[in-house]
Amino acid sequence: MIDAVALSQDLIRCPSVTPKDEGAITILEKALTTLGFTCKRMRLQAPGSEAVENLYARLGAASPNFCFAGHTDVVPVGDARAWRHDPFKAEIADGTLFGRGAADMKSAIACFIAAVERVLAKGKPEGSISLLITGDEEGVNINGTKAVLEALKKDGERIDHCLVGEPTATARTADTIKIGRRGSMRVALTVTGVQGHTAYPQNALNPIPIMAALITKLSEPLDSGSAHFQPSTLVFTTVDVGNPAGNVSPARAHASLNIRFNDLHTPETLLRRIEQAAHDVTTAFGGECAIEHSVSGVSFITRPGPFTDLLGNAIARVTGVFPQYSTTGGTSDARFIRDICPVAEVGVPGGTMHKVDECVPVEELGRLVDVYAEILETYFANPPG
């Protein structure tokens, strides 16, 4: 029998800080091969990046194909001396499993595999079960899920529904189903003026007041939220002029910001808003403003319906409580999967993810195995349309 806790410990003991694998994918490949899965390793490397280990494993050839998606890579531990337990020893203390990846999200992968074994013990379902596991979720996301999906599409692989094991719960395992995510966009602003002596400001054009006016204008609320999303946010993260002199007004001022946007916006509409603000401010004050941007994901929603009902009802049978739907938080690889099939996210509580002493109560892992097993059995008994 596959022990979800022991398998979680094996995975945590692999110091797989993005993009390193350190044996995590091999551990999963062995466990899944034992269960009869056909495993396909994908070592992907875009130009100018480091190679990433990925795994796509499938059991069965028929439809529907229920896919579980997750990642074995983790964020750095920070100051290891600040941890009460070694971040890569996977120690259990007072009924709690400690280690980097305990919550986000090696334990969820282990729980799903244990759930699959439980389901298979009752007979192979009519359809297919697959796992898409990447080592690039916490990184730049160019050699992971997105690239794997592109490869699978070329091979004619079809995924009908997907469940991502991110730590989306608030207090108890599976108390929340993430049915969508906000988009994320980064913007860099550079305001150019004219450098000059501070005693003769009339002979210069200080970019700092111009940038200050632009920051004020852009800091106005973007919206009040929508039916399924909280309000969009625009947060400035840096403001810098790089000026060591106290008697010189600088030539340039730089600022960076991050926007988390709901379904009322697109990257294009947001960029136009920023361009218009820059135009208005530079028209009033003078100077020039250069804008650079990058988008890591757009907002999406898996609208409540047969698939989310199936998940919620299965969870309620295990926990006694129907979970809440949510679209809060940052981005996840669900933003790539949503292009090919309905996707939702269910996992353990995420309060300690990315923190010192990341951990998860062992009893929550047992609950997650029960939830995943119930979801699988319900899905194959009556697949959603």
Protein backbone atom coordinates (compact mmCIF):
# COMPACT_ATOMS: atom_id res chain seq x y z
CA MET A 1 0.00 0.00 0.00
CA ILE A 2 1.15 3.53 -0.78
CA ASP A 3 1.37 5.63 2.37
CA ALA A 4 0.62 9.26 1.50
CA VAL A 5 2.63 10.54 4.47
CA ALA A 6 5.68 8.42 3.70
CA LEU A 7 5.55 9.36 0.02
CA SER A 8 5.25 13.04 0.99
CA GLN A 9 8.34 12.66 3.14
CA ASP A 10 10.28 11.04 0.31
CA LEU A 11 9.41 13.96 -1.96
CA ILE A 12 10.20 16.64 0.62
CA ARG A 13 13.64 15.09 1.16
CA CYS A 14 14.43 15.97 -2.46
CA PRO A 15 15.69 19.61 -2.30
CA SER A 16 13.99 20.44 -5.59
CA VAL A 17 14.24 24.22 -5.55
CA THR A 18 13.23 25.46 -9.01
CA PRO A 19 14.50 24.36 -11.51
CA LYS A 20 16.29 21.47 -9.77
CA ASP A 21 14.63 18.07 -9.54
CA GLU A 22 16.97 16.20 -7.20
CA GLY A 23 15.17 12.89 -7.79
CA ALA A 24 11.57 13.92 -7.09
CA ILE A 25 10.23 12.98 -10.53
CA THR A 26 11.98 9.61 -10.36
CA ILE A 27 10.23 8.83 -7.08
CA LEU A 28 6.86 9.57 -8.65
CA GLU A 29 7.68 7.64 -11.80
CA LYS A 30 8.47 4.53 -9.77
CA ALA A 31 5.30 4.77 -7.70
CA LEU A 32 3.09 5.31 -10.74
CA THR A 33 4.74 2.58 -12.79
CA THR A 34 3.98 0.17 -9.95
CA LEU A 35 0.30 1.12 -10.27
CA GLY A 36 0.32 0.40 -14.01
CA PHE A 37 0.73 3.92 -15.38
CA THR A 38 2.62 4.58 -18.59
CA CYS A 39 5.08 7.31 -17.72
CA LYS A 40 6.61 9.81 -20.09
CA ARG A 41 9.49 11.93 -18.85
CA MET A 42 9.91 15.31 -20.52
CA ARG A 43 13.15 17.19 -19.96
CA LEU A 44 12.42 20.58 -21.49
CA GLN A 45 14.75 23.51 -22.01
CA ALA A 46 13.93 26.70 -23.87
CA PRO A 47 16.89 28.71 -25.19
CA GLY A 48 18.59 30.70 -22.46
CA SER A 49 16.98 28.76 -19.62
CA GLU A 50 17.82 25.80 -17.39
CA ALA A 51 16.40 22.37 -18.16
CA VAL A 52 13.35 21.19 -16.20
CA GLU A 53 12.16 17.66 -15.50
CA ASN A 54 8.46 17.01 -16.14
CA LEU A 55 6.30 13.91 -16.06
CA TYR A 56 3.08 12.91 -17.80
CA ALA A 57 1.67 9.58 -16.62
CA ARG A 58 -1.51 7.94 -17.85
CA LEU A 59 -3.45 4.84 -16.91
CA GLY A 60 -5.91 3.72 -19.54
CA ALA A 61 -6.57 4.77 -23.11
CA ALA A 62 -10.30 5.51 -23.13
CA SER A 63 -12.19 8.71 -22.45
CA PRO A 64 -12.88 10.51 -20.24
CA ASN A 65 -9.39 11.37 -19.08
CA PHE A 66 -9.31 12.81 -15.56
CA CYS A 67 -6.00 14.58 -14.98
CA PHE A 68 -4.34 15.65 -11.76
CA ALA A 69 -1.80 18.46 -12.11
CA GLY A 70 0.86 19.48 -9.65
CA HIS A 71 4.47 20.51 -9.18
CA THR A 72 7.46 19.08 -7.36
CA ASP A 73 9.54 22.24 -7.41
CA VAL A 74 9.64 24.45 -4.34
CA VAL A 75 10.75 27.97 -3.45
CA PRO A 76 14.05 28.56 -1.61
CA VAL A 77 14.06 28.02 2.15
CA GLY A 78 15.51 31.43 3.02
CA ASP A 79 17.53 31.36 6.25
CA ALA A 80 17.66 27.65 7.12
CA ARG A 81 18.76 28.56 10.67
CA ALA A 82 15.34 30.11 11.24
CA TRP A 83 13.60 26.74 10.75
CA ARG A 84 12.74 24.66 13.82
CA HIS A 85 13.05 21.56 11.64
CA ASP A 86 15.42 21.01 8.74
CA PRO A 87 13.41 22.05 5.64
CA PHE A 88 14.45 18.93 3.73
CA LYS A 89 14.32 16.24 6.44
CA ALA A 90 10.52 15.93 6.42
CA GLU A 91 10.26 15.50 10.17
CA ILE A 92 6.97 14.83 11.95
CA ALA A 93 6.47 16.56 15.29
CA ASP A 94 3.25 16.71 17.31
CA GLY A 95 1.28 15.24 14.44
CA THR A 96 2.55 17.77 11.90
CA LEU A 97 4.77 17.19 8.86
CA PHE A 98 7.40 19.90 8.42
CA GLY A 99 9.41 20.73 5.32
CA ARG A 100 9.59 22.81 2.19
CA GLY A 101 6.83 21.51 -0.04
CA ALA A 102 4.77 20.01 2.80
CA ALA A 103 1.91 22.36 1.96
CA ASP A 104 2.91 23.61 -1.48
CA MET A 105 2.43 21.00 -2.83
CA LYS A 106 4.32 17.72 -2.68
CA SER A 107 1.90 16.26 -0.16
CA ALA A 108 -1.06 16.73 -2.52
CA ILE A 109 0.71 14.72 -5.21
CA ALA A 110 1.36 11.92 -2.72
CA CYS A 111 -2.27 12.01 -1.57
CA PHE A 112 -3.58 11.75 -5.11
CA ILE A 113 -1.40 8.74 -5.87
CA ALA A 114 -2.55 7.06 -2.65
CA ALA A 115 -6.15 7.82 -3.63
CA VAL A 116 -5.62 6.31 -7.08
CA GLU A 117 -4.31 3.12 -5.52
CA ARG A 118 -7.41 2.93 -3.32
CA VAL A 119 -9.71 3.40 -6.31
CA LEU A 120 -7.86 0.83 -8.43
CA ALA A 121 -8.21 -1.73 -5.64
CA LYS A 122 -11.95 -1.70 -6.38
CA GLY A 123 -11.42 -2.16 -10.09
CA LYS A 124 -10.03 -0.17 -12.98
CA PRO A 125 -12.42 2.64 -13.92
CA GLU A 126 -13.88 3.04 -17.38
CA GLY A 127 -11.78 5.87 -18.70
CA SER A 128 -8.31 7.17 -17.93
CA ILE A 129 -6.47 8.73 -15.02
CA SER A 130 -3.45 10.89 -15.71
CA LEU A 131 -0.99 13.08 -13.84
CA LEU A 132 0.82 16.11 -15.21
CA ILE A 133 3.69 16.95 -12.88
CA THR A 134 6.13 19.78 -13.52
CA GLY A 135 9.26 21.17 -11.91
CA ASP A 136 8.75 24.73 -13.16
CA GLU A 137 5.65 26.07 -11.41
CA GLU A 138 7.54 28.29 -8.98
CA GLY A 139 9.89 29.54 -11.67
CA VAL A 140 9.61 31.26 -15.02
CA ASN A 141 6.98 28.78 -16.28
CA ILE A 142 8.47 28.29 -19.72
CA ASN A 143 9.71 24.69 -19.39
CA GLY A 144 6.82 23.33 -17.36
CA THR A 145 3.07 22.87 -17.67
CA LYS A 146 2.59 25.19 -20.63
CA ALA A 147 5.31 23.46 -22.66
CA VAL A 148 4.12 19.99 -21.63
CA LEU A 149 0.58 20.79 -22.75
CA GLU A 150 1.88 21.95 -26.11
CA ALA A 151 3.76 18.66 -26.52
CA LEU A 152 0.72 16.62 -25.50
CA LYS A 153 -1.45 18.49 -27.99
CA LYS A 154 0.96 17.62 -30.79
CA ASP A 155 0.73 13.97 -29.73
CA GLY A 156 -3.06 14.09 -29.90
CA GLU A 157 -3.48 13.67 -26.15
CA ARG A 158 -6.85 14.74 -24.76
CA ILE A 159 -7.60 15.76 -21.19
CA ASP A 160 -11.28 16.10 -20.33
CA HIS A 161 -11.16 17.54 -16.81
CA CYS A 162 -8.34 18.56 -14.52
CA LEU A 163 -7.85 18.97 -10.78
CA VAL A 164 -4.84 20.92 -9.49
CA GLY A 165 -3.55 20.10 -6.02
CA GLU A 166 -2.55 23.59 -4.89
CA PRO A 167 -2.98 24.36 -1.16
CA THR A 168 -6.21 26.28 -1.67
CA ALA A 169 -7.95 25.49 1.64
CA THR A 170 -8.30 28.12 4.35
CA ALA A 171 -8.85 26.21 7.62
CA ARG A 172 -9.47 22.55 6.76
CA THR A 173 -8.54 20.45 3.75
CA ALA A 174 -10.87 20.93 0.76
CA ASP A 175 -12.95 23.64 2.43
CA THR A 176 -12.38 25.75 -0.68
CA ILE A 177 -12.46 25.04 -4.41
CA LYS A 178 -10.54 27.50 -6.53
CA ILE A 179 -12.64 27.90 -9.67
CA GLY A 180 -10.57 30.69 -11.19
CA ARG A 181 -7.66 33.03 -10.74
CA ARG A 182 -6.97 36.68 -11.34
CA GLY A 183 -4.51 37.67 -14.04
CA SER A 184 -1.07 39.05 -13.26
CA MET A 185 0.77 41.78 -15.13
CA ARG A 186 4.07 43.52 -14.37
CA VAL A 187 4.84 47.03 -15.63
CA ALA A 188 8.04 49.08 -15.56
CA LEU A 189 7.87 52.85 -16.01
CA THR A 190 10.76 55.15 -16.89
CA VAL A 191 10.17 58.90 -16.81
CA THR A 192 12.87 60.95 -18.54
CA GLY A 193 13.40 64.64 -17.76
CA VAL A 194 16.46 66.89 -17.91
CA GLN A 195 19.26 66.62 -15.37
CA GLY A 196 20.30 69.85 -13.71
CA HIS A 197 21.69 71.76 -10.73
CA THR A 198 19.25 71.94 -7.82
CA ALA A 199 20.02 75.67 -7.42
CA TYR A 200 18.69 76.29 -10.93
CA PRO A 201 15.57 74.16 -11.25
CA GLN A 202 14.33 76.37 -14.08
CA ASN A 203 17.12 74.92 -16.23
CA ALA A 204 16.16 71.29 -15.53
CA LEU A 205 13.12 69.05 -15.69
CA ASN A 206 13.01 66.91 -12.59
CA PRO A 207 11.38 63.53 -13.40
CA ILE A 208 10.55 62.83 -9.74
CA PRO A 209 7.45 65.07 -9.52
CA ILE A 210 6.34 63.71 -12.88
CA MET A 211 6.66 60.13 -11.63
CA ALA A 212 4.91 61.08 -8.39
CA ALA A 213 1.96 62.48 -10.33
CA LEU A 214 1.82 59.34 -12.47
CA ILE A 215 1.91 57.10 -9.40
CA THR A 216 -0.93 59.07 -7.84
CA LYS A 217 -3.03 58.83 -10.99
CA LEU A 218 -2.44 55.10 -11.45
CA SER A 219 -3.18 54.35 -7.79
CA GLU A 220 -6.86 55.11 -8.24
CA PRO A 221 -9.07 51.97 -7.82
CA LEU A 222 -9.38 49.88 -10.96
CA ASP A 223 -12.82 48.46 -10.15
CA SER A 224 -15.07 47.27 -7.34
CA GLY A 225 -14.91 43.58 -8.18
CA SER A 226 -17.16 41.37 -10.30
CA ALA A 227 -19.55 38.48 -9.82
CA HIS A 228 -16.83 35.90 -9.15
CA PHE A 229 -13.79 38.08 -8.40
CA GLN A 230 -12.58 40.49 -5.76
CA PRO A 231 -11.47 43.99 -6.87
CA SER A 232 -8.41 44.24 -9.08
CA THR A 233 -5.30 45.67 -7.44
CA LEU A 234 -2.43 47.78 -8.73
CA VAL A 235 0.55 47.86 -6.37
CA PHE A 236 3.78 49.79 -6.87
CA THR A 237 6.78 47.67 -5.85
CA THR A 238 9.77 49.94 -6.53
CA VAL A 239 10.51 53.63 -7.06
CA ASP A 240 14.11 54.57 -7.78
CA VAL A 241 16.20 57.33 -9.30
CA GLY A 242 19.69 55.96 -8.61
CA ASN A 243 20.96 59.42 -7.73
CA PRO A 244 23.90 59.62 -5.28
CA ALA A 245 24.24 63.42 -5.50
CA GLY A 246 22.39 65.78 -3.21
CA ASN A 247 22.67 68.82 -5.44
CA VAL A 248 21.65 67.31 -8.76
CA SER A 249 18.13 66.61 -9.95
CA PRO A 250 18.23 63.30 -11.86
CA ALA A 251 17.58 62.69 -15.51
CA ARG A 252 15.39 59.64 -15.00
CA ALA A 253 13.04 58.07 -12.49
CA HIS A 254 12.03 54.41 -12.52
CA ALA A 255 9.07 52.62 -10.97
CA SER A 256 7.68 49.11 -11.12
CA LEU A 257 4.18 47.87 -10.39
CA ASN A 258 2.17 44.66 -10.36
CA ILE A 259 -1.48 44.36 -11.32
CA ARG A 260 -3.71 41.47 -10.23
CA PHE A 261 -6.78 41.85 -12.41
CA ASN A 262 -10.19 40.25 -12.60
CA ASP A 263 -12.43 39.48 -15.57
CA LEU A 264 -13.33 43.13 -16.07
CA HIS A 265 -9.94 43.73 -17.64
CA THR A 266 -7.50 42.35 -20.17
CA PRO A 267 -3.78 43.10 -20.45
CA GLU A 268 -4.59 45.26 -23.47
CA THR A 269 -7.17 47.42 -21.68
CA LEU A 270 -4.87 47.83 -18.69
CA LEU A 271 -1.95 48.84 -20.88
CA ARG A 272 -4.10 51.43 -22.63
CA ARG A 273 -5.11 52.81 -19.23
CA ILE A 274 -1.46 53.18 -18.22
CA GLU A 275 -0.51 54.71 -21.56
CA GLN A 276 -3.32 57.24 -21.26
CA ALA A 277 -2.26 58.18 -17.73
CA ALA A 278 1.34 58.60 -18.87
CA HIS A 279 0.20 60.76 -21.77
CA ASP A 280 -1.93 62.97 -19.52
CA VAL A 281 0.84 63.47 -16.95
CA THR A 282 3.65 64.16 -19.41
CA THR A 283 1.41 66.55 -21.32
CA ALA A 284 0.83 68.49 -18.09
CA PHE A 285 4.37 68.33 -16.68
CA GLY A 286 6.61 67.64 -19.66
CA GLY A 287 9.10 64.80 -20.01
CA GLU A 288 8.69 61.40 -21.58
CA CYS A 289 7.52 58.08 -20.21
CA ALA A 290 8.63 54.67 -21.49
CA ILE A 291 6.50 51.64 -20.59
CA GLU A 292 7.54 47.98 -20.54
CA HIS A 293 5.25 45.16 -19.48
CA SER A 294 4.96 41.41 -19.18
CA VAL A 295 1.94 39.19 -18.52
CA SER A 296 2.21 35.94 -16.58
CA GLY A 297 -1.47 35.08 -16.82
CA VAL A 298 -4.94 36.40 -17.62
CA SER A 299 -7.99 36.01 -15.42
CA PHE A 300 -10.18 32.95 -15.94
CA ILE A 301 -13.19 31.30 -14.40
CA THR A 302 -14.54 27.75 -14.45
CA ARG A 303 -18.15 28.70 -13.98
CA PRO A 304 -20.14 26.70 -11.42
CA GLY A 305 -21.79 23.78 -13.16
CA PRO A 306 -21.61 19.98 -13.48
CA PHE A 307 -17.86 19.70 -12.86
CA THR A 308 -17.70 22.01 -9.85
CA ASP A 309 -20.90 20.44 -8.48
CA LEU A 310 -19.31 17.00 -8.75
CA LEU A 311 -16.25 18.19 -6.83
CA GLY A 312 -18.27 19.99 -4.19
CA ASN A 313 -20.68 17.14 -3.58
CA ALA A 314 -17.84 14.61 -3.33
CA ILE A 315 -16.05 16.82 -0.82
CA ALA A 316 -19.24 17.30 1.19
CA ARG A 317 -19.73 13.54 1.48
CA VAL A 318 -16.26 13.25 3.02
CA THR A 319 -16.10 16.38 5.16
CA GLY A 320 -19.78 17.01 5.86
CA VAL A 321 -19.53 20.56 4.49
CA PHE A 322 -19.97 21.82 0.95
CA PRO A 323 -16.85 23.88 0.10
CA GLN A 324 -16.87 27.53 -0.86
CA TYR A 325 -15.91 28.67 -4.34
CA SER A 326 -13.03 31.14 -4.56
CA THR A 327 -10.86 32.99 -7.08
CA THR A 328 -8.53 34.69 -4.59
CA GLY A 329 -4.77 34.39 -4.34
CA GLY A 330 -1.99 34.48 -6.87
CA THR A 331 -1.54 32.57 -10.10
CA SER A 332 -1.14 28.83 -10.62
CA ASP A 333 -0.61 26.48 -13.53
CA ALA A 334 -4.40 26.26 -13.84
CA ARG A 335 -4.08 29.38 -16.01
CA PHE A 336 -2.50 27.22 -18.72
CA ILE A 337 -4.76 24.21 -18.28
CA ARG A 338 -7.95 26.26 -18.59
CA ASP A 339 -7.26 26.57 -22.33
CA ILE A 340 -7.79 22.84 -22.88
CA CYS A 341 -10.41 21.71 -20.35
CA PRO A 342 -12.40 22.66 -17.24
CA VAL A 343 -10.04 22.99 -14.26
CA ALA A 344 -10.38 23.54 -10.52
CA GLU A 345 -8.06 23.41 -7.52
CA VAL A 346 -8.44 21.50 -4.25
CA GLY A 347 -5.83 20.90 -1.58
CA VAL A 348 -4.68 21.30 2.00
CA PRO A 349 -4.62 24.58 3.97
CA GLY A 350 -2.03 26.95 2.53
CA GLY A 351 -1.29 29.19 5.48
CA THR A 352 2.37 28.12 5.75
CA MET A 353 3.31 27.90 2.08
CA HIS A 354 6.54 29.73 1.19
CA LYS A 355 7.12 30.45 4.91
CA VAL A 356 9.73 29.32 7.41
CA ASP A 357 8.58 26.05 9.03
CA GLU A 358 6.19 25.21 6.19
CA CYS A 359 4.06 22.35 7.42
CA VAL A 360 0.80 20.41 7.21
CA PRO A 361 -1.00 18.38 9.91
CA VAL A 362 -0.80 14.67 9.14
CA GLU A 363 -4.55 14.27 9.67
CA GLU A 364 -5.16 16.74 6.83
CA LEU A 365 -3.29 14.42 4.47
CA GLY A 366 -5.55 11.53 5.41
CA ARG A 367 -8.54 13.75 4.76
CA LEU A 368 -7.16 14.75 1.35
CA VAL A 369 -6.68 11.12 0.32
CA ASP A 370 -10.33 10.49 1.21
CA VAL A 371 -11.43 13.54 -0.78
CA TYR A 372 -9.42 12.67 -3.87
CA ALA A 373 -10.62 9.05 -3.80
CA GLU A 374 -14.25 10.15 -3.53
CA ILE A 375 -13.81 12.59 -6.40
CA LEU A 376 -12.32 9.89 -8.62
CA GLU A 377 -15.02 7.36 -7.83
CA THR A 378 -17.77 9.92 -8.38
CA TYR A 379 -16.23 11.13 -11.61
CA PHE A 380 -16.04 7.74 -13.26
CA ALA A 381 -19.44 6.67 -11.97
CA ASN A 382 -21.08 9.64 -13.69
CA PRO A 383 -18.68 11.83 -15.72
CA PRO A 384 -19.83 15.45 -16.16
CA GLY A 385 -20.74 16.46 -19.66
